[in-house]
Protein backbone atom coordinates (compact mmCIF):
# COMPACT_ATOMS: atom_id res chain seq x y z
CA MET A 1 14.90 -63.47 62.32
CA SER A 2 16.24 -60.02 61.43
CA SER A 3 14.00 -56.97 61.01
CA HIS A 4 14.84 -57.03 57.32
CA ALA A 5 13.48 -60.58 57.12
CA GLU A 6 10.23 -59.21 58.56
CA VAL A 7 10.16 -56.55 55.83
CA PHE A 8 10.75 -59.36 53.33
CA GLY A 9 7.60 -61.07 54.63
CA ALA A 10 5.63 -57.83 54.31
CA PHE A 11 6.73 -57.51 50.68
CA LEU A 12 5.43 -60.99 49.90
CA ARG A 13 2.15 -60.20 51.63
CA GLN A 14 1.92 -57.01 49.53
CA GLY A 15 1.82 -55.05 52.75
CA ILE A 16 4.30 -52.34 51.71
CA THR A 17 3.00 -48.84 50.95
CA VAL A 18 4.30 -47.19 47.79
CA PRO A 19 5.33 -43.55 48.39
CA SER A 20 4.48 -40.81 45.90
CA GLN A 21 7.11 -39.21 43.69
CA ALA A 22 6.95 -36.05 45.83
CA GLU A 23 7.60 -38.10 48.98
CA VAL A 24 10.59 -39.82 47.40
CA MET A 25 12.08 -36.46 46.38
CA ALA A 26 11.16 -34.61 49.60
CA ASN A 27 14.69 -34.53 51.07
CA TRP A 28 16.63 -34.02 47.85
CA GLY A 29 16.92 -30.27 48.27
CA VAL A 30 17.85 -28.22 45.20
CA LEU A 31 17.20 -30.24 42.05
CA ARG A 32 20.49 -31.49 40.63
CA ALA A 33 21.95 -34.39 38.71
CA PRO A 34 21.46 -37.87 40.23
CA GLU A 35 24.22 -39.17 42.48
CA VAL A 36 23.20 -42.84 42.16
CA SER A 37 21.81 -44.70 39.16
CA ILE A 38 19.73 -47.76 40.07
CA ILE A 39 19.79 -50.16 37.11
CA CYS A 40 17.24 -52.96 36.73
CA PRO A 41 17.31 -55.47 33.86
CA THR A 42 14.15 -57.57 33.73
CA HIS A 43 12.60 -60.28 31.57
CA MET A 44 9.41 -62.28 32.19
CA HIS A 45 9.17 -61.03 35.78
CA VAL A 46 5.52 -59.98 35.86
CA ASN A 47 5.05 -61.48 39.33
CA GLN A 48 8.27 -60.01 40.75
CA ILE A 49 9.08 -56.67 39.07
CA GLU A 50 6.68 -54.61 41.17
CA ARG A 51 8.49 -55.69 44.36
CA ALA A 52 11.78 -54.51 42.86
CA LEU A 53 10.30 -51.15 41.85
CA ILE A 54 8.72 -50.60 45.26
CA GLY A 55 12.08 -51.38 46.88
CA PHE A 56 13.68 -48.64 44.77
CA PHE A 57 11.07 -45.99 45.55
CA ARG A 58 11.12 -46.80 49.28
CA GLN A 59 14.71 -45.57 49.43
CA LYS A 60 15.10 -42.64 51.82
CA THR A 61 17.93 -40.39 50.66
CA ASN A 62 19.13 -36.80 50.98
CA PHE A 63 20.39 -36.86 47.38
CA PRO A 64 18.70 -37.43 44.01
CA PHE A 65 18.82 -40.82 42.33
CA GLU A 66 17.47 -42.19 39.07
CA VAL A 67 16.00 -45.60 38.22
CA LEU A 68 16.76 -47.19 34.85
CA VAL A 69 14.63 -50.21 33.91
CA ARG A 70 15.11 -52.31 30.79
CA ASP A 71 12.50 -54.96 30.08
CA ASP A 72 13.82 -57.26 27.38
CA GLY A 73 10.76 -57.99 25.25
CA SER A 74 8.73 -59.78 27.92
CA MET A 75 5.46 -61.36 26.78
CA ASP A 76 3.91 -61.80 30.24
CA GLY A 77 2.91 -58.23 31.16
CA THR A 78 6.21 -57.13 32.77
CA ALA A 79 6.41 -54.17 30.38
CA ARG A 80 2.96 -52.93 31.44
CA VAL A 81 4.03 -52.87 35.09
CA VAL A 82 7.14 -50.87 34.19
CA GLU A 83 5.05 -48.44 32.11
CA ARG A 84 2.65 -47.92 35.02
CA TYR A 85 5.47 -47.02 37.41
CA SER A 86 7.09 -44.83 34.76
CA ALA A 87 3.87 -42.78 34.71
CA LEU A 88 3.83 -42.58 38.53
CA PHE A 89 7.50 -41.52 38.79
CA PRO A 90 8.23 -39.61 35.54
CA GLU A 91 11.07 -37.54 37.03
CA ILE A 92 12.89 -40.56 38.50
CA LEU A 93 12.27 -43.62 36.32
CA ARG A 94 13.74 -43.92 32.82
CA ASN A 95 12.12 -46.73 30.87
CA LEU A 96 14.65 -48.21 28.42
CA SER A 97 12.62 -51.31 27.60
CA GLU A 98 12.85 -53.17 24.30
CA PRO A 99 9.75 -54.35 22.39
CA VAL A 100 11.49 -57.60 21.35
CA ASP A 101 13.78 -60.06 23.11
CA THR A 102 17.44 -59.11 22.53
CA TRP A 103 18.93 -62.07 24.42
CA GLY A 104 22.30 -62.99 22.93
CA LYS A 105 22.54 -59.71 21.00
CA VAL A 106 23.41 -57.23 23.76
CA ARG A 107 24.37 -57.43 27.44
CA HIS A 108 21.60 -55.74 29.36
CA ASN A 109 23.78 -54.56 32.26
CA ASP A 110 26.23 -52.97 29.81
CA VAL A 111 23.39 -51.08 28.12
CA LEU A 112 22.08 -49.77 31.42
CA ILE A 113 25.47 -48.76 32.81
CA SER A 114 26.32 -46.91 29.60
CA ALA A 115 23.05 -44.98 29.86
CA ALA A 116 23.43 -44.16 33.58
CA LEU A 117 23.93 -40.47 34.43
CA ALA A 118 25.25 -40.88 37.99
CA PRO A 119 28.82 -41.64 39.10
CA LEU A 120 27.60 -44.49 41.36
CA ILE A 121 25.74 -47.60 40.16
CA ALA A 122 23.37 -49.77 42.25
CA PRO A 123 22.13 -52.81 40.27
CA CYS A 124 19.15 -55.06 41.04
CA ASP A 125 17.62 -57.69 38.78
CA GLY A 126 13.87 -57.60 38.27
CA ASP A 127 13.21 -60.75 40.32
CA ASP A 128 15.19 -59.50 43.35
CA PHE A 129 14.29 -56.62 45.67
CA TRP A 130 15.69 -54.44 48.43
CA VAL A 131 14.31 -54.80 51.96
CA TYR A 132 16.27 -51.94 53.59
CA ASP A 133 15.03 -48.44 52.86
CA GLN A 134 18.43 -46.81 53.50
CA LYS A 135 20.51 -49.19 51.41
CA ILE A 136 21.72 -46.74 48.77
CA GLN A 137 22.09 -43.89 51.29
CA ARG A 138 24.44 -45.99 53.43
CA GLN A 139 26.45 -47.30 50.47
CA ARG A 140 26.74 -43.89 48.82
CA ASP A 141 27.86 -42.29 52.11
CA TYR A 142 30.56 -44.93 52.49
CA LEU A 143 31.94 -44.46 48.99
CA LEU A 144 31.98 -40.68 49.37
CA ALA A 145 33.90 -41.02 52.63
CA HIS A 146 36.40 -43.52 51.15
CA PRO A 147 37.46 -42.23 47.72
CA THR A 148 40.05 -45.00 47.20
CA ASP A 149 37.41 -47.74 47.48
CA SER A 150 35.47 -48.60 44.34
CA LEU A 151 32.80 -51.07 45.49
CA VAL A 152 30.79 -51.79 48.63
CA TYR A 153 28.44 -54.72 49.23
CA HIS A 154 26.35 -56.46 51.90
CA GLY A 155 24.54 -59.70 52.70
CA THR A 156 21.37 -61.13 51.20
CA LEU A 157 18.19 -62.99 52.02
CA GLU A 158 17.79 -65.95 49.67
CA PHE A 159 14.28 -67.15 48.87
CA SER A 160 12.60 -69.70 46.62
CA PRO A 161 10.18 -68.85 43.78
CA ASP A 162 7.26 -69.82 46.04
CA GLY A 163 8.34 -67.22 48.62
CA ARG A 164 9.98 -69.50 51.15
CA LEU A 165 12.94 -67.90 52.96
CA ILE A 166 15.92 -70.22 52.49
CA ARG A 167 18.73 -68.47 54.35
CA GLU A 168 20.17 -65.18 55.53
CA THR A 169 23.76 -64.51 54.53
CA THR A 170 26.01 -61.90 56.07
CA VAL A 171 29.38 -60.92 54.64
CA VAL A 172 32.91 -60.41 55.90
CA GLU A 173 35.74 -58.21 54.73
CA PRO A 174 37.46 -59.35 51.51
CA GLN A 175 40.56 -61.47 52.03
CA LYS A 176 42.83 -58.95 50.35
CA ARG A 177 42.56 -55.20 49.98
CA ALA A 178 45.54 -54.48 47.75
CA GLY A 179 47.18 -55.72 44.59
CA ARG A 180 46.64 -55.59 40.86
CA HIS A 181 43.39 -57.53 41.04
CA ASN A 182 42.30 -55.99 44.29
CA GLY A 183 39.51 -57.96 45.88
CA SER A 184 38.53 -59.93 42.78
CA ARG A 185 39.29 -63.22 44.56
CA GLY A 186 38.57 -61.96 48.03
CA PHE A 187 34.84 -61.32 47.90
CA ARG A 188 31.63 -62.96 46.76
CA ALA A 189 28.63 -60.67 46.47
CA ALA A 190 25.16 -60.90 44.98
CA TRP A 191 24.77 -58.49 42.07
CA SER A 192 21.80 -56.80 43.74
CA SER A 193 23.87 -56.13 46.88
CA VAL A 194 26.68 -54.03 45.38
CA MET A 195 27.21 -50.36 44.69
CA PHE A 196 30.22 -49.30 42.65
CA ARG A 197 31.78 -46.36 40.89
CA LYS A 198 30.92 -46.11 37.21
CA ALA A 199 33.95 -46.93 35.04
CA PRO A 200 34.59 -47.84 31.38
CA LEU A 201 33.36 -51.37 30.66
CA LEU A 202 35.79 -54.18 29.89
CA PRO A 203 36.10 -54.79 26.13
CA LEU A 204 35.02 -58.37 25.37
CA LYS A 205 35.86 -60.29 22.22
CA PHE A 206 33.27 -62.94 23.09
CA PRO A 207 29.84 -62.08 21.66
CA PRO A 208 26.80 -61.69 23.93
CA ALA A 209 25.53 -65.07 22.66
CA VAL A 210 28.41 -66.67 24.61
CA VAL A 211 28.52 -64.31 27.58
CA PRO A 212 25.05 -62.80 27.92
CA GLN A 213 25.55 -61.74 31.53
CA SER A 214 28.44 -59.50 32.47
CA ASP A 215 28.00 -58.83 36.20
CA VAL A 216 31.06 -60.80 37.38
CA LEU A 217 33.18 -59.20 34.67
CA ILE A 218 31.99 -55.76 35.72
CA THR A 219 32.74 -56.35 39.41
CA HIS A 220 36.17 -57.74 38.46
CA ARG A 221 36.86 -54.58 36.49
CA ILE A 222 35.75 -52.37 39.38
CA ALA A 223 37.84 -54.39 41.85
CA GLN A 224 40.92 -53.66 39.73
CA LEU A 225 40.36 -49.92 40.14
CA GLY A 226 40.08 -49.59 43.90
CA GLY A 227 39.30 -51.16 47.25
CA VAL A 228 36.34 -53.44 47.98
CA ARG A 229 34.47 -53.16 51.27
CA ALA A 230 31.84 -55.34 52.95
CA ILE A 231 29.15 -54.06 55.32
CA PRO A 232 28.72 -56.98 57.78
CA GLU A 233 25.19 -56.18 58.94
CA ALA A 234 21.78 -57.80 58.48
CA PRO A 235 20.97 -58.56 54.82
CA TRP A 236 19.60 -55.62 52.83
CA THR A 237 18.64 -57.47 49.63
CA ALA A 238 16.28 -60.36 48.87
CA ARG A 239 17.49 -62.63 46.08
CA MET A 240 15.46 -65.34 44.37
CA VAL A 241 17.16 -68.73 43.97
CA ARG A 242 15.55 -71.10 41.51
CA ARG A 243 16.19 -74.51 40.03
CA GLU A 244 16.76 -74.90 36.29
CA SER A 245 15.96 -77.81 34.02
CA LEU A 246 18.57 -79.14 31.61
CA GLU A 247 16.71 -77.55 28.69
CA GLU A 248 16.79 -74.16 30.45
CA LEU A 249 20.40 -74.51 31.59
CA SER A 250 22.02 -72.40 28.87
CA LEU A 251 19.74 -69.49 29.83
CA GLY A 252 20.00 -69.99 33.58
CA SER A 253 21.78 -67.68 36.00
CA ASP A 254 24.08 -70.40 37.37
CA TYR A 255 25.16 -71.35 33.87
CA GLN A 256 25.77 -67.70 32.97
CA THR A 257 27.83 -67.23 36.11
CA ALA A 258 29.98 -70.25 35.23
CA VAL A 259 30.54 -69.04 31.66
CA SER A 260 31.58 -65.59 32.86
CA ARG A 261 34.19 -67.20 35.14
CA PHE A 262 35.70 -69.07 32.18
CA VAL A 263 35.81 -65.88 30.13
CA LEU A 264 37.34 -63.91 32.98
CA SER A 265 40.03 -66.60 33.21
CA GLU A 266 40.83 -66.02 29.54
CA LEU A 267 40.89 -62.23 29.93
CA LEU A 268 43.37 -62.46 32.79
CA MET A 269 45.74 -64.48 30.60
CA GLN A 270 45.46 -61.99 27.74
CA GLU A 271 46.48 -58.97 29.81
CA PRO A 272 49.91 -57.33 29.21
CA HIS A 273 51.07 -58.87 32.48
CA PRO A 274 49.16 -62.19 32.73
CA SER A 275 48.09 -63.55 36.09
CA PRO A 276 48.14 -67.38 35.79
CA GLN A 277 47.19 -67.98 39.42
CA GLU A 278 44.23 -65.63 39.21
CA ALA A 279 43.19 -67.16 35.88
CA ALA A 280 43.41 -70.68 37.30
CA HIS A 281 41.26 -69.61 40.23
CA PHE A 282 38.46 -68.33 38.01
CA PHE A 283 38.67 -71.34 35.69
CA GLY A 284 38.29 -73.57 38.72
CA GLU A 285 35.38 -71.40 39.88
CA GLY A 286 33.70 -71.96 36.53
CA VAL A 287 34.04 -75.73 36.82
CA ARG A 288 32.92 -75.66 40.46
CA ARG A 289 29.83 -73.63 39.65
CA LEU A 290 28.88 -76.00 36.86
CA LEU A 291 29.19 -78.92 39.26
CA VAL A 292 27.06 -77.06 41.81
CA THR A 293 24.51 -76.32 39.08
CA ALA A 294 24.32 -79.99 38.15
CA SER A 295 23.98 -81.09 41.78
CA LYS A 296 21.44 -78.43 42.74
CA ASN A 297 19.25 -79.16 39.74
CA ARG A 298 19.79 -82.94 39.87
CA LEU A 299 21.30 -82.91 36.39
CA PRO A 300 23.93 -85.25 34.90
CA VAL A 301 27.23 -83.53 35.63
CA PHE A 302 29.05 -84.52 32.44
CA LYS A 303 26.07 -83.51 30.31
CA THR A 304 26.03 -80.16 32.11
CA LEU A 305 29.63 -79.56 31.10
CA THR A 306 28.83 -80.68 27.56
CA VAL A 307 26.14 -77.99 27.33
CA LEU A 308 28.79 -75.39 28.11
CA CYS A 309 31.23 -76.82 25.54
CA MET A 310 28.62 -76.83 22.80
CA GLN A 311 27.63 -73.24 23.51
CA ILE A 312 31.24 -72.10 23.32
CA ILE A 313 31.95 -74.11 20.16
CA ARG A 314 28.80 -72.76 18.52
CA TYR A 315 29.28 -69.11 19.36
CA GLY A 316 33.00 -68.71 20.11
CA ILE A 317 35.24 -66.93 17.61
CA GLY A 318 38.84 -67.13 16.45
CA THR A 319 41.77 -68.15 18.59
CA ASP A 320 39.93 -67.09 21.75
CA ARG A 321 37.39 -69.85 21.13
CA GLY A 322 40.12 -72.42 20.52
CA ARG A 323 42.01 -71.53 23.68
CA LEU A 324 38.88 -71.51 25.82
CA VAL A 325 37.62 -74.85 24.49
CA SER A 326 41.09 -76.41 24.78
CA ASN A 327 41.45 -75.35 28.40
CA LEU A 328 37.94 -76.51 29.24
CA SER A 329 38.46 -79.88 27.53
CA ARG A 330 41.65 -80.53 29.49
CA LYS A 331 39.87 -79.65 32.71
CA ILE A 332 36.94 -81.93 31.91
CA ARG A 333 39.25 -84.84 31.07
CA SER A 334 41.12 -84.39 34.33
CA PHE A 335 37.88 -84.52 36.35
CA ARG A 336 35.94 -87.05 34.29
CA ASN A 337 36.98 -90.12 36.24
CA GLY A 338 35.62 -88.55 39.38
CA PHE A 339 32.12 -87.87 38.00
């Protein structure tokens, strides 16, 4: 077991000391603009959000950073935890929480990135947390030393909702470091493990009701702009992995990830110089992730795909909807006999 896995255990035992704001800022030197913006979307994470916040404020850096948290109308007390930490760290934490649930109306990561003041972004969802106290220092130092790279990531500890450690994953270098879609096929990274340079967001014609989660689209965009680098060391992030019922599927992270792959496939074909091979890859990734979702959650595979179709038909718009549904339908028909 790695030392970071031991820190993970201490987090779950609530054995981690929270530093004061003065201690966090002790090595920042002359007060200046933040160099890293930590962004944290959260919803109904009352039992997890404090771990994420502690992981942020444990970071030991020689530069200033800010923490942006957006609770999306939680009804379980998540907002009160965020408010308490906002009072403890008023010069670091910016509370951008919403009083009502805005699911399907905005993309929370897009809101947070747009509000970020720093040139570097380090995301972490409210039910994940960081176990390495020099995570953002190491990633920021790498990006400063390699100006042509746009994103750096590392491995993760995966755990169940009841706190059981499932696996440790380390990472390897992306398969390709050059090309128009640099790295977008060559790496797989947990959202809470990346740090990237802030860049204009991809314009999406699909409404948030169809694509509520934009992390894979954001990392694709960043991978187009520069190199992607892995740090093959012990995992620095703990990521919760949970099962989803069929009723919860359209709100689940695996479902969202699959939908974003289908949309990315469409975007690649709509570019001035389309990339059919890249588009086919991401379409296949969407289908594969849906199949994995169905298997992992013991759900009927064909019904899982039907959920996706109905969501797209209900919320899709114009010719983009027609093309997406047509492509998906052909793919489903081609695989149906094997279900």
